[in-house]
Protein backbone atom coordinates (compact mmCIF):
# COMPACT_ATOMS: atom_id res chain seq x y z
CA UNK A 1 77.34 14.76 14.92
CA UNK A 2 75.31 17.80 13.80
CA UNK A 3 73.56 16.95 10.55
CA UNK A 4 70.95 19.62 9.92
CA UNK A 5 71.86 23.05 8.59
CA UNK A 6 70.13 26.08 10.01
CA UNK A 7 67.20 27.44 8.04
CA UNK A 8 67.44 30.79 6.30
CA UNK A 9 64.89 32.21 8.75
CA UNK A 10 66.97 31.14 11.74
CA UNK A 11 70.12 32.61 10.19
CA UNK A 12 68.46 35.94 9.40
CA UNK A 13 66.91 36.03 12.87
CA UNK A 14 70.30 35.40 14.46
CA UNK A 15 71.87 38.14 12.34
CA UNK A 16 69.18 40.61 13.38
CA UNK A 17 69.46 39.70 17.06
CA UNK A 18 73.26 39.96 17.02
CA UNK A 19 72.95 43.31 15.22
CA UNK A 20 70.60 44.52 17.95
CA UNK A 21 72.96 43.33 20.68
CA UNK A 22 75.93 45.02 19.00
CA UNK A 23 73.92 48.23 18.52
CA UNK A 24 73.09 48.28 22.25
CA UNK A 25 76.70 47.59 23.21
CA UNK A 26 78.05 50.32 20.89
CA UNK A 27 75.47 52.77 22.21
CA UNK A 28 76.66 52.18 25.76
CA UNK A 29 80.31 52.42 24.74
CA UNK A 30 79.66 55.66 22.89
CA UNK A 31 77.97 57.14 25.96
CA UNK A 32 80.49 55.87 28.52
CA UNK A 33 83.78 56.00 26.61
CA UNK A 34 83.38 58.22 23.52
CA UNK A 35 87.14 58.48 22.88
CA UNK A 36 87.49 54.72 22.40
CA UNK A 37 84.39 54.36 20.22
CA UNK A 38 86.15 54.50 16.84
CA UNK A 39 88.70 51.87 17.85
CA UNK A 40 86.13 49.58 19.41
CA UNK A 41 83.71 49.98 16.53
CA UNK A 42 86.45 48.87 14.15
CA UNK A 43 87.47 45.75 16.03
CA UNK A 44 84.42 45.15 18.19
CA UNK A 45 82.47 42.97 15.78
CA UNK A 46 85.51 40.75 15.25
CA UNK A 47 85.86 40.40 19.01
CA UNK A 48 82.13 39.80 19.51
CA UNK A 49 81.92 36.99 16.96
CA UNK A 50 85.35 35.54 17.72
CA UNK A 51 84.90 35.38 21.47
CA UNK A 52 81.40 33.93 21.42
CA UNK A 53 81.86 31.49 18.53
CA UNK A 54 85.20 30.31 19.93
CA UNK A 55 83.78 29.81 23.41
CA UNK A 56 82.10 26.72 24.80
CA UNK A 57 78.77 28.19 23.59
CA UNK A 58 79.91 27.73 19.94
CA UNK A 59 77.55 30.56 18.98
CA UNK A 60 76.85 34.23 19.43
CA UNK A 61 73.88 35.08 21.67
CA UNK A 62 71.69 35.65 18.60
CA UNK A 63 72.63 32.28 17.11
CA UNK A 64 72.08 30.56 20.44
CA UNK A 65 68.60 32.07 20.79
CA UNK A 66 67.78 30.82 17.27
CA UNK A 67 69.13 27.34 18.04
CA UNK A 68 72.24 27.57 15.85
CA UNK A 69 75.87 26.72 16.56
CA UNK A 70 79.03 27.15 14.49
CA UNK A 71 80.65 23.92 13.25
CA UNK A 72 83.66 23.08 11.08
CA UNK A 73 83.72 21.13 7.79
CA UNK A 74 83.44 17.84 9.68
CA UNK A 75 80.34 19.23 11.43
CA UNK A 76 82.06 19.31 14.79
CA UNK A 77 81.73 22.39 17.05
CA UNK A 78 84.73 24.69 16.73
């Protein structure tokens, strides 16, 4: 179904965008709930990627902006 792999530029762009989004989220968490910051910082990235890539979007916001989705070995959306 999906034949073309994402370019290196799109992948790096998605990584940078997702890093920016996570940085903003962690900044807000640190300000609003400083006691939970260490716990959320440990598991937050796993939740961020897992929730978005496992959703019907099939991509994190950064990947979606760059036109990428996550697929399995058979090139089907996960």
